[in-house]
Amino acid sequence: VGGRRLGILGMGRIGQAVARRAQAFGM
């Protein structure tokens, strides 16, 4: 998953929590 583009539809509390985890995986 590292380097892949993750599109988040809805950047509220959950969306930001997903972004934080995805960032740790290098997405």
PDB file of all heavy atoms in Angstrom:
ATOM      1  N   VAL A   1       0.823  -1.209   0.000  1.00  0.00           N
ATOM      2  CA  VAL A   1       0.000   0.000   0.000  1.00  0.00           C
ATOM      3  C   VAL A   1       0.858   1.260   0.000  1.00  0.00           C
ATOM      4  O   VAL A   1       0.381   2.335  -0.352  1.00  0.00           O
ATOM      5  CB  VAL A   1      -0.971   0.018   1.197  1.00  0.00           C
ATOM      6  CG1 VAL A   1      -1.938  -1.140   1.116  1.00  0.00           C
ATOM      7  CG2 VAL A   1      -0.215   0.014   2.517  1.00  0.00           C
ATOM      8  N   GLY A   2       2.100   1.130   0.403  1.00  0.00           N
ATOM      9  CA  GLY A   2       2.985   2.285   0.422  1.00  0.00           C
ATOM     10  C   GLY A   2       3.139   2.896  -0.968  1.00  0.00           C
ATOM     11  O   GLY A   2       3.394   2.186  -1.931  1.00  0.00           O
ATOM     12  N   GLY A   3       2.955   4.207  -1.063  1.00  0.00           N
ATOM     13  CA  GLY A   3       3.061   4.899  -2.337  1.00  0.00           C
ATOM     14  C   GLY A   3       1.771   4.972  -3.126  1.00  0.00           C
ATOM     15  O   GLY A   3       1.687   5.719  -4.102  1.00  0.00           O
ATOM     16  N   ARG A   4       0.773   4.228  -2.709  1.00  0.00           N
ATOM     17  CA  ARG A   4      -0.502   4.264  -3.439  1.00  0.00           C
ATOM     18  C   ARG A   4      -1.299   5.500  -3.042  1.00  0.00           C
ATOM     19  O   ARG A   4      -1.152   6.048  -1.948  1.00  0.00           O
ATOM     20  CB  ARG A   4      -1.321   3.001  -3.154  1.00  0.00           C
ATOM     21  CG  ARG A   4      -0.689   1.735  -3.681  1.00  0.00           C
ATOM     22  CD  ARG A   4      -1.701   0.621  -3.784  1.00  0.00           C
ATOM     23  NE  ARG A   4      -1.083  -0.627  -4.250  1.00  0.00           N
ATOM     24  CZ  ARG A   4      -1.781  -1.689  -4.644  1.00  0.00           C
ATOM     25  NH1 ARG A   4      -3.095  -1.653  -4.617  1.00  0.00           N
ATOM     26  NH2 ARG A   4      -1.156  -2.776  -5.048  1.00  0.00           N
ATOM     27  N   ARG A   5      -2.182   5.895  -3.955  1.00  0.00           N
ATOM     28  CA  ARG A   5      -3.016   7.075  -3.735  1.00  0.00           C
ATOM     29  C   ARG A   5      -4.338   6.655  -3.095  1.00  0.00           C
ATOM     30  O   ARG A   5      -5.082   5.863  -3.672  1.00  0.00           O
ATOM     31  CB  ARG A   5      -3.267   7.798  -5.051  1.00  0.00           C
ATOM     32  CG  ARG A   5      -2.023   8.391  -5.692  1.00  0.00           C
ATOM     33  CD  ARG A   5      -2.342   9.105  -6.995  1.00  0.00           C
ATOM     34  NE  ARG A   5      -2.822   8.168  -8.003  1.00  0.00           N
ATOM     35  CZ  ARG A   5      -2.042   7.490  -8.833  1.00  0.00           C
ATOM     36  NH1 ARG A   5      -0.721   7.649  -8.781  1.00  0.00           N
ATOM     37  NH2 ARG A   5      -2.550   6.664  -9.725  1.00  0.00           N
ATOM     38  N   LEU A   6      -4.607   7.183  -1.930  1.00  0.00           N
ATOM     39  CA  LEU A   6      -5.854   6.915  -1.213  1.00  0.00           C
ATOM     40  C   LEU A   6      -6.756   8.127  -1.322  1.00  0.00           C
ATOM     41  O   LEU A   6      -6.387   9.226  -0.894  1.00  0.00           O
ATOM     42  CB  LEU A   6      -5.587   6.600   0.257  1.00  0.00           C
ATOM     43  CG  LEU A   6      -6.824   6.528   1.166  1.00  0.00           C
ATOM     44  CD1 LEU A   6      -7.732   5.364   0.755  1.00  0.00           C
ATOM     45  CD2 LEU A   6      -6.427   6.411   2.634  1.00  0.00           C
ATOM     46  N   GLY A   7      -7.936   7.941  -1.892  1.00  0.00           N
ATOM     47  CA  GLY A   7      -8.922   9.008  -1.953  1.00  0.00           C
ATOM     48  C   GLY A   7      -9.945   8.831  -0.846  1.00  0.00           C
ATOM     49  O   GLY A   7     -10.561   7.773  -0.718  1.00  0.00           O
ATOM     50  N   ILE A   8     -10.124   9.842  -0.027  1.00  0.00           N
ATOM     51  CA  ILE A   8     -11.058   9.789   1.098  1.00  0.00           C
ATOM     52  C   ILE A   8     -12.246  10.686   0.776  1.00  0.00           C
ATOM     53  O   ILE A   8     -12.091  11.889   0.569  1.00  0.00           O
ATOM     54  CB  ILE A   8     -10.390  10.238   2.405  1.00  0.00           C
ATOM     55  CG1 ILE A   8      -9.235   9.294   2.746  1.00  0.00           C
ATOM     56  CG2 ILE A   8     -11.402  10.275   3.541  1.00  0.00           C
ATOM     57  CD1 ILE A   8      -8.466   9.708   3.987  1.00  0.00           C
ATOM     58  N   LEU A   9     -13.406  10.093   0.719  1.00  0.00           N
ATOM     59  CA  LEU A   9     -14.644  10.833   0.485  1.00  0.00           C
ATOM     60  C   LEU A   9     -15.295  11.096   1.832  1.00  0.00           C
ATOM     61  O   LEU A   9     -15.865  10.208   2.449  1.00  0.00           O
ATOM     62  CB  LEU A   9     -15.575  10.033  -0.425  1.00  0.00           C
ATOM     63  CG  LEU A   9     -16.986  10.597  -0.653  1.00  0.00           C
ATOM     64  CD1 LEU A   9     -16.918  12.040  -1.118  1.00  0.00           C
ATOM     65  CD2 LEU A   9     -17.747   9.730  -1.636  1.00  0.00           C
ATOM     66  N   GLY A  10     -15.170  12.322   2.301  1.00  0.00           N
ATOM     67  CA  GLY A  10     -15.676  12.672   3.622  1.00  0.00           C
ATOM     68  C   GLY A  10     -14.527  12.758   4.614  1.00  0.00           C
ATOM     69  O   GLY A  10     -14.104  11.745   5.166  1.00  0.00           O
ATOM     70  N   MET A  11     -14.015  13.954   4.841  1.00  0.00           N
ATOM     71  CA  MET A  11     -12.826  14.131   5.677  1.00  0.00           C
ATOM     72  C   MET A  11     -13.216  14.675   7.040  1.00  0.00           C
ATOM     73  O   MET A  11     -12.691  15.692   7.524  1.00  0.00           O
ATOM     74  CB  MET A  11     -11.845  15.059   4.973  1.00  0.00           C
ATOM     75  CG  MET A  11     -10.420  14.978   5.470  1.00  0.00           C
ATOM     76  SD  MET A  11      -9.658  13.396   5.190  1.00  0.00           S
ATOM     77  CE  MET A  11      -7.920  13.888   5.289  1.00  0.00           C
ATOM     78  N   GLY A  12     -14.180  14.009   7.678  1.00  0.00           N
ATOM     79  CA  GLY A  12     -14.557  14.376   9.039  1.00  0.00           C
ATOM     80  C   GLY A  12     -13.678  13.654  10.044  1.00  0.00           C
ATOM     81  O   GLY A  12     -12.514  13.368   9.787  1.00  0.00           O
ATOM     82  N   ARG A  13     -14.250  13.340  11.209  1.00  0.00           N
ATOM     83  CA  ARG A  13     -13.464  12.680  12.255  1.00  0.00           C
ATOM     84  C   ARG A  13     -12.913  11.338  11.774  1.00  0.00           C
ATOM     85  O   ARG A  13     -11.723  11.038  11.951  1.00  0.00           O
ATOM     86  CB  ARG A  13     -14.329  12.475  13.503  1.00  0.00           C
ATOM     87  CG  ARG A  13     -14.596  13.734  14.312  1.00  0.00           C
ATOM     88  CD  ARG A  13     -15.230  13.392  15.641  1.00  0.00           C
ATOM     89  NE  ARG A  13     -16.517  12.718  15.460  1.00  0.00           N
ATOM     90  CZ  ARG A  13     -17.691  13.330  15.503  1.00  0.00           C
ATOM     91  NH1 ARG A  13     -17.741  14.631  15.712  1.00  0.00           N
ATOM     92  NH2 ARG A  13     -18.816  12.664  15.340  1.00  0.00           N
ATOM     93  N   ILE A  14     -13.782  10.523  11.168  1.00  0.00           N
ATOM     94  CA  ILE A  14     -13.344   9.203  10.735  1.00  0.00           C
ATOM     95  C   ILE A  14     -12.401   9.317   9.542  1.00  0.00           C
ATOM     96  O   ILE A  14     -11.374   8.622   9.480  1.00  0.00           O
ATOM     97  CB  ILE A  14     -14.563   8.322  10.400  1.00  0.00           C
ATOM     98  CG1 ILE A  14     -15.378   8.054  11.668  1.00  0.00           C
ATOM     99  CG2 ILE A  14     -14.117   7.011   9.760  1.00  0.00           C
ATOM    100  CD1 ILE A  14     -16.665   7.293  11.423  1.00  0.00           C
ATOM    101  N   GLY A  15     -12.727  10.176   8.600  1.00  0.00           N
ATOM    102  CA  GLY A  15     -11.865  10.353   7.444  1.00  0.00           C
ATOM    103  C   GLY A  15     -10.462  10.777   7.837  1.00  0.00           C
ATOM    104  O   GLY A  15      -9.465  10.281   7.291  1.00  0.00           O
ATOM    105  N   GLN A  16     -10.361  11.677   8.806  1.00  0.00           N
ATOM    106  CA  GLN A  16      -9.040  12.109   9.263  1.00  0.00           C
ATOM    107  C   GLN A  16      -8.313  11.003  10.023  1.00  0.00           C
ATOM    108  O   GLN A  16      -7.087  10.886   9.939  1.00  0.00           O
ATOM    109  CB  GLN A  16      -9.177  13.356  10.135  1.00  0.00           C
ATOM    110  CG  GLN A  16      -9.645  14.577   9.362  1.00  0.00           C
ATOM    111  CD  GLN A  16      -9.729  15.818  10.213  1.00  0.00           C
ATOM    112  OE1 GLN A  16      -8.942  16.009  11.152  1.00  0.00           O
ATOM    113  NE2 GLN A  16     -10.678  16.692   9.909  1.00  0.00           N
ATOM    114  N   ALA A  17      -9.058  10.185  10.752  1.00  0.00           N
ATOM    115  CA  ALA A  17      -8.428   9.056  11.439  1.00  0.00           C
ATOM    116  C   ALA A  17      -7.896   8.045  10.430  1.00  0.00           C
ATOM    117  O   ALA A  17      -6.829   7.451  10.631  1.00  0.00           O
ATOM    118  CB  ALA A  17      -9.431   8.396  12.382  1.00  0.00           C
ATOM    119  N   VAL A  18      -8.622   7.839   9.334  1.00  0.00           N
ATOM    120  CA  VAL A  18      -8.146   6.962   8.267  1.00  0.00           C
ATOM    121  C   VAL A  18      -6.894   7.557   7.626  1.00  0.00           C
ATOM    122  O   VAL A  18      -5.913   6.853   7.355  1.00  0.00           O
ATOM    123  CB  VAL A  18      -9.247   6.739   7.213  1.00  0.00           C
ATOM    124  CG1 VAL A  18      -8.695   5.996   5.991  1.00  0.00           C
ATOM    125  CG2 VAL A  18     -10.409   5.954   7.813  1.00  0.00           C
ATOM    126  N   ALA A  19      -6.916   8.862   7.375  1.00  0.00           N
ATOM    127  CA  ALA A  19      -5.761   9.538   6.767  1.00  0.00           C
ATOM    128  C   ALA A  19      -4.520   9.391   7.638  1.00  0.00           C
ATOM    129  O   ALA A  19      -3.408   9.182   7.132  1.00  0.00           O
ATOM    130  CB  ALA A  19      -6.083  11.008   6.543  1.00  0.00           C
ATOM    131  N   ARG A  20      -4.690   9.494   8.947  1.00  0.00           N
ATOM    132  CA  ARG A  20      -3.556   9.367   9.863  1.00  0.00           C
ATOM    133  C   ARG A  20      -2.929   7.969   9.773  1.00  0.00           C
ATOM    134  O   ARG A  20      -1.692   7.820   9.761  1.00  0.00           O
ATOM    135  CB  ARG A  20      -4.032   9.644  11.288  1.00  0.00           C
ATOM    136  CG  ARG A  20      -2.928   9.752  12.318  1.00  0.00           C
ATOM    137  CD  ARG A  20      -3.485  10.155  13.681  1.00  0.00           C
ATOM    138  NE  ARG A  20      -4.170  11.444  13.626  1.00  0.00           N
ATOM    139  CZ  ARG A  20      -5.495  11.583  13.737  1.00  0.00           C
ATOM    140  NH1 ARG A  20      -6.270  10.529  13.897  1.00  0.00           N
ATOM    141  NH2 ARG A  20      -6.038  12.783  13.685  1.00  0.00           N
ATOM    142  N   ARG A  21      -3.758   6.955   9.675  1.00  0.00           N
ATOM    143  CA  ARG A  21      -3.255   5.587   9.565  1.00  0.00           C
ATOM    144  C   ARG A  21      -2.638   5.338   8.190  1.00  0.00           C
ATOM    145  O   ARG A  21      -1.598   4.680   8.077  1.00  0.00           O
ATOM    146  CB  ARG A  21      -4.392   4.602   9.837  1.00  0.00           C
ATOM    147  CG  ARG A  21      -4.779   4.533  11.310  1.00  0.00           C
ATOM    148  CD  ARG A  21      -6.210   4.039  11.505  1.00  0.00           C
ATOM    149  NE  ARG A  21      -6.535   3.875  12.913  1.00  0.00           N
ATOM    150  CZ  ARG A  21      -6.801   4.885  13.749  1.00  0.00           C
ATOM    151  NH1 ARG A  21      -6.774   6.136  13.310  1.00  0.00           N
ATOM    152  NH2 ARG A  21      -7.091   4.641  15.018  1.00  0.00           N
ATOM    153  N   ALA A  22      -3.292   5.843   7.157  1.00  0.00           N
ATOM    154  CA  ALA A  22      -2.768   5.650   5.807  1.00  0.00           C
ATOM    155  C   ALA A  22      -1.419   6.328   5.641  1.00  0.00           C
ATOM    156  O   ALA A  22      -0.516   5.810   4.965  1.00  0.00           O
ATOM    157  CB  ALA A  22      -3.765   6.194   4.786  1.00  0.00           C
ATOM    158  N   GLN A  23      -1.271   7.480   6.261  1.00  0.00           N
ATOM    159  CA  GLN A  23      -0.001   8.201   6.191  1.00  0.00           C
ATOM    160  C   GLN A  23       1.119   7.375   6.824  1.00  0.00           C
ATOM    161  O   GLN A  23       2.244   7.344   6.332  1.00  0.00           O
ATOM    162  CB  GLN A  23      -0.139   9.548   6.899  1.00  0.00           C
ATOM    163  CG  GLN A  23       1.049  10.467   6.744  1.00  0.00           C
ATOM    164  CD  GLN A  23       0.843  11.772   7.506  1.00  0.00           C
ATOM    165  OE1 GLN A  23       0.143  11.813   8.519  1.00  0.00           O
ATOM    166  NE2 GLN A  23       1.436  12.846   7.018  1.00  0.00           N
ATOM    167  N   ALA A  24       0.790   6.668   7.915  1.00  0.00           N
ATOM    168  CA  ALA A  24       1.789   5.831   8.574  1.00  0.00           C
ATOM    169  C   ALA A  24       2.223   4.668   7.680  1.00  0.00           C
ATOM    170  O   ALA A  24       3.351   4.174   7.800  1.00  0.00           O
ATOM    171  CB  ALA A  24       1.246   5.295   9.889  1.00  0.00           C
ATOM    172  N   PHE A  25       1.348   4.245   6.769  1.00  0.00           N
ATOM    173  CA  PHE A  25       1.673   3.171   5.832  1.00  0.00           C
ATOM    174  C   PHE A  25       2.344   3.708   4.569  1.00  0.00           C
ATOM    175  O   PHE A  25       2.624   2.937   3.657  1.00  0.00           O
ATOM    176  CB  PHE A  25       0.411   2.398   5.447  1.00  0.00           C
ATOM    177  CG  PHE A  25       0.043   1.327   6.433  1.00  0.00           C
ATOM    178  CD1 PHE A  25      -0.770   1.607   7.523  1.00  0.00           C
ATOM    179  CD2 PHE A  25       0.498   0.027   6.268  1.00  0.00           C
ATOM    180  CE1 PHE A  25      -1.114   0.617   8.430  1.00  0.00           C
ATOM    181  CE2 PHE A  25       0.162  -0.970   7.167  1.00  0.00           C
ATOM    182  CZ  PHE A  25      -0.645  -0.669   8.269  1.00  0.00           C
ATOM    183  N   GLY A  26       2.570   5.000   4.507  1.00  0.00           N
ATOM    184  CA  GLY A  26       3.247   5.581   3.370  1.00  0.00           C
ATOM    185  C   GLY A  26       2.350   5.854   2.173  1.00  0.00           C
ATOM    186  O   GLY A  26       2.845   6.015   1.054  1.00  0.00           O
ATOM    187  N   MET A  27       1.040   5.943   2.393  1.00  0.00           N
ATOM    188  CA  MET A  27       0.118   6.216   1.300  1.00  0.00           C
ATOM    189  C   MET A  27       0.029   7.721   1.050  1.00  0.00           C
ATOM    190  O   MET A  27       0.256   8.534   1.955  1.00  0.00           O
ATOM    191  CB  MET A  27      -1.270   5.643   1.603  1.00  0.00           C
ATOM    192  CG  MET A  27      -1.305   4.154   1.865  1.00  0.00           C
ATOM    193  SD  MET A  27      -2.991   3.487   1.976  1.00  0.00           S
ATOM    194  CE  MET A  27      -3.489   3.505   0.251  1.00  0.00           C
TER     195      MET A  27
END
